[in-house]
Amino acid sequence: MSTAEQALVGRRTALGFGALLGAGALTGGLAAPASAAPARDEAAPDAKHYQPPHGYAGFPAMPASVLQFFAASQRADARAWANAFAEGAVFHDPVGRPPITGRAAIRARIASVLPNFRPFLGITPLEAHATADFVAVTWRGAAVTLSNRPVNWSGINVFQLDSAGLIKECRAYFEYAVFQAQLDPK
C-alpha cells in the first residue's frame, strides 16, 4: 500500500467516510484510487443515470448530477451547483417555502446566499438511496457567518432526475427555523 493510500485509510478511520468526502471535495477532489472503484454494470437499463465518475468509490447510488450538487456546494461554486439542475428544474429549499424554478433562478438564489458566509463549507452527503429516477440523500451542512458564528444543519434531499440525468426537481427537507436561528441568535 502506498503512503498516499495509507494516509487515505487513516483519514477515513479518524474522520469517518462522510467527513472524508467533505474534506476531499474542499481540497479539489472526490475521487478515490481507481482500484477502489465499484464494478460497473454497463448493461443495466438505467446505467446512464447511475454511473459514478471514473475511479469514484464513495456513493455508487448517486448519479453524476447529484454528486455535482454536493461537490459544488462544498466549493461554494454557485454556477457548478446550479448546473447540476435541468433548465426548467424546481428546487424546494426547503419544502414548505416557495419553490425556486429554473436553473437561472436557482443559480441566483445560491449566489445570493453564499456571500453571507465565510467560509461556506457546504453540504456533505452521508447516505444515498436510489430507485428509478429518484435519489434520496441524507446530509449535513456547515458554514461560518461573517460575524464568525458556526452554522450547522442537516436534512434529506430527494432528487428526481430527467432523461439526461440532470436534476429535474429537488425537495430539501430540513428545519429552516433552526438554520435561521443560528444566523440571527436572539
Protein backbone atom coordinates (compact mmCIF):
# COMPACT_ATOMS: atom_id res chain seq x y z
CA MET A 1 0.00 0.00 0.00
CA SER A 2 1.42 3.39 -0.98
CA THR A 3 1.92 6.23 1.50
CA ALA A 4 -0.98 8.15 -0.08
CA GLU A 5 -3.28 5.12 0.27
CA GLN A 6 -2.21 4.66 3.91
CA ALA A 7 -2.98 8.32 4.59
CA LEU A 8 -6.41 7.92 2.97
CA VAL A 9 -7.20 4.90 5.16
CA GLY A 10 -6.03 6.83 8.23
CA ARG A 11 -8.25 9.80 7.41
CA ARG A 12 -11.24 7.51 6.83
CA THR A 13 -10.65 5.96 10.24
CA ALA A 14 -10.17 9.28 12.01
CA LEU A 15 -12.90 11.29 10.33
CA GLY A 16 -15.47 8.80 9.12
CA PHE A 17 -16.26 8.50 5.43
CA GLY A 18 -18.74 11.42 5.29
CA ALA A 19 -16.19 13.83 6.73
CA LEU A 20 -13.55 12.47 4.36
CA LEU A 21 -15.87 13.08 1.41
CA GLY A 22 -16.39 16.68 2.52
CA ALA A 23 -12.69 17.23 3.13
CA GLY A 24 -11.85 15.71 -0.25
CA ALA A 25 -14.25 17.99 -2.05
CA LEU A 26 -12.81 21.03 -0.32
CA THR A 27 -9.32 20.11 -1.47
CA GLY A 28 -10.41 19.59 -5.04
CA GLY A 29 -11.47 16.01 -5.49
CA LEU A 30 -13.97 13.38 -4.52
CA ALA A 31 -12.15 10.58 -6.30
CA ALA A 32 -10.58 7.62 -4.55
CA PRO A 33 -7.94 5.43 -6.20
CA ALA A 34 -9.23 3.72 -9.34
CA SER A 35 -8.58 0.31 -7.77
CA ALA A 36 -11.33 1.09 -5.23
CA ALA A 37 -13.97 1.85 -7.87
CA PRO A 38 -17.15 -0.23 -7.73
CA ALA A 39 -17.85 -2.66 -10.54
CA ARG A 40 -19.97 -1.15 -13.30
CA ASP A 41 -22.85 -2.94 -14.94
CA GLU A 42 -22.90 -1.39 -18.41
CA ALA A 43 -25.95 -3.49 -19.32
CA ALA A 44 -28.08 -2.01 -16.53
CA PRO A 45 -31.17 -0.29 -18.01
CA ASP A 46 -30.55 2.98 -16.16
CA ALA A 47 -26.75 2.85 -16.34
CA LYS A 48 -26.53 6.34 -17.86
CA HIS A 49 -28.15 7.74 -14.71
CA TYR A 50 -26.24 5.84 -12.09
CA GLN A 51 -22.65 5.63 -13.28
CA PRO A 52 -20.27 7.15 -10.75
CA PRO A 53 -17.39 9.21 -12.13
CA HIS A 54 -14.42 7.09 -13.19
CA GLY A 55 -12.48 5.99 -10.15
CA TYR A 56 -15.07 7.22 -7.65
CA ALA A 57 -15.63 4.85 -4.75
CA GLY A 58 -17.88 6.88 -2.47
CA PHE A 59 -21.55 6.73 -3.39
CA PRO A 60 -22.28 4.37 -6.28
CA ALA A 61 -26.02 5.09 -5.86
CA MET A 62 -25.55 8.79 -6.62
CA PRO A 63 -25.65 9.89 -10.27
CA ALA A 64 -23.16 12.46 -11.53
CA SER A 65 -25.55 15.43 -11.24
CA VAL A 66 -26.25 14.67 -7.57
CA LEU A 67 -22.53 14.26 -6.87
CA GLN A 68 -22.02 17.62 -8.62
CA PHE A 69 -24.72 19.21 -6.43
CA PHE A 70 -22.81 18.27 -3.26
CA ALA A 71 -19.27 18.84 -4.56
CA ALA A 72 -20.16 22.30 -5.92
CA SER A 73 -21.76 23.22 -2.58
CA GLN A 74 -18.51 22.30 -0.85
CA ARG A 75 -16.55 24.54 -3.24
CA ALA A 76 -19.18 27.32 -2.85
CA ASP A 77 -19.42 27.37 -6.65
CA ALA A 78 -22.88 28.75 -7.50
CA ARG A 79 -22.52 28.16 -11.25
CA ALA A 80 -21.49 24.48 -10.95
CA TRP A 81 -24.09 23.93 -8.23
CA ALA A 82 -26.88 25.30 -10.43
CA ASN A 83 -25.57 23.43 -13.49
CA ALA A 84 -26.45 20.15 -11.77
CA PHE A 85 -30.09 21.16 -12.44
CA ALA A 86 -32.02 20.93 -15.72
CA GLU A 87 -33.02 24.25 -17.32
CA GLY A 88 -36.62 24.13 -16.04
CA ALA A 89 -35.86 22.47 -12.70
CA VAL A 90 -37.76 23.13 -9.50
CA PHE A 91 -35.90 23.46 -6.18
CA HIS A 92 -37.87 23.34 -2.91
CA ASP A 93 -35.29 24.78 -0.50
CA PRO A 94 -36.71 23.78 1.92
CA VAL A 95 -40.07 22.12 1.33
CA GLY A 96 -42.78 24.46 2.62
CA ARG A 97 -41.17 27.65 1.28
CA PRO A 98 -41.91 28.91 -2.22
CA PRO A 99 -40.05 26.78 -4.78
CA ILE A 100 -37.32 28.22 -6.98
CA THR A 101 -38.00 27.48 -10.65
CA GLY A 102 -35.43 27.40 -13.45
CA ARG A 103 -31.65 26.97 -13.46
CA ALA A 104 -31.02 30.73 -13.70
CA ALA A 105 -33.22 31.43 -10.65
CA ILE A 106 -31.58 28.59 -8.72
CA ARG A 107 -28.14 29.99 -9.53
CA ALA A 108 -29.22 33.49 -8.48
CA ARG A 109 -30.57 32.16 -5.17
CA ILE A 110 -27.40 30.22 -4.42
CA ALA A 111 -25.22 33.19 -5.43
CA SER A 112 -27.24 35.45 -3.11
CA VAL A 113 -26.77 33.16 -0.09
CA LEU A 114 -23.06 32.32 -0.36
CA PRO A 115 -21.70 35.85 0.39
CA ASN A 116 -23.35 35.67 3.84
CA PHE A 117 -20.77 33.09 4.94
CA ARG A 118 -17.01 32.97 5.12
CA PRO A 119 -16.44 30.16 4.62
CA PHE A 120 -19.42 28.24 3.31
CA LEU A 121 -18.21 24.69 3.95
CA GLY A 122 -21.04 23.11 2.03
CA ILE A 123 -23.30 20.14 2.27
CA THR A 124 -21.76 16.70 2.86
CA PRO A 125 -23.73 13.62 1.81
CA LEU A 126 -23.93 10.87 4.42
CA GLU A 127 -26.08 8.19 2.86
CA ALA A 128 -27.77 7.77 -0.52
CA HIS A 129 -30.57 5.54 -1.77
CA ALA A 130 -31.65 5.38 -5.40
CA THR A 131 -34.58 3.86 -7.23
CA ALA A 132 -35.59 4.55 -10.83
CA ASP A 133 -35.04 8.29 -11.40
CA PHE A 134 -35.15 9.23 -7.71
CA VAL A 135 -32.28 9.59 -5.27
CA ALA A 136 -32.71 10.35 -1.55
CA VAL A 137 -29.63 11.62 0.29
CA THR A 138 -29.13 12.41 3.96
CA TRP A 139 -26.63 15.20 4.54
CA ARG A 140 -25.06 17.68 6.93
CA GLY A 141 -24.31 21.31 6.18
CA ALA A 142 -21.77 23.63 7.74
CA ALA A 143 -20.79 27.27 7.33
CA VAL A 144 -19.43 30.21 9.30
CA THR A 145 -21.24 33.56 9.32
CA LEU A 146 -19.45 36.82 8.59
CA SER A 147 -19.56 37.52 12.34
CA ASN A 148 -17.71 34.21 12.92
CA ARG A 149 -20.69 32.17 14.21
CA PRO A 150 -20.77 28.49 13.21
CA VAL A 151 -23.90 27.27 11.45
CA ASN A 152 -24.72 23.57 11.28
CA TRP A 153 -27.82 21.93 9.86
CA SER A 154 -28.84 18.57 8.45
CA GLY A 155 -31.57 17.09 6.34
CA ILE A 156 -32.64 14.89 3.50
CA ASN A 157 -32.86 15.82 -0.17
CA VAL A 158 -35.00 13.88 -2.60
CA PHE A 159 -33.84 14.38 -6.19
CA GLN A 160 -35.79 13.47 -9.32
CA LEU A 161 -33.73 13.24 -12.49
CA ASP A 162 -34.68 13.94 -16.08
CA SER A 163 -33.85 11.69 -19.05
CA ALA A 164 -30.44 13.41 -19.43
CA GLY A 165 -29.56 12.65 -15.80
CA LEU A 166 -29.86 16.25 -14.60
CA ILE A 167 -31.84 17.22 -11.51
CA LYS A 168 -35.42 17.91 -12.57
CA GLU A 169 -36.74 18.51 -9.08
CA CYS A 170 -35.12 18.67 -5.65
CA ARG A 171 -37.01 18.65 -2.38
CA ALA A 172 -34.88 19.64 0.60
CA TYR A 173 -36.23 18.60 3.99
CA PHE A 174 -34.63 20.42 6.94
CA GLU A 175 -35.71 22.67 9.82
CA TYR A 176 -35.42 26.13 8.28
CA ALA A 177 -36.20 27.79 11.64
CA VAL A 178 -33.22 26.02 13.25
CA PHE A 179 -30.97 27.13 10.40
CA GLN A 180 -32.28 30.72 10.59
CA ALA A 181 -31.92 30.89 14.39
CA GLN A 182 -28.20 30.23 14.04
CA LEU A 183 -27.92 33.22 11.73
CA ASP A 184 -29.90 35.60 13.97
CA PRO A 185 -29.46 34.45 17.58
CA LYS A 186 -31.85 36.13 19.98
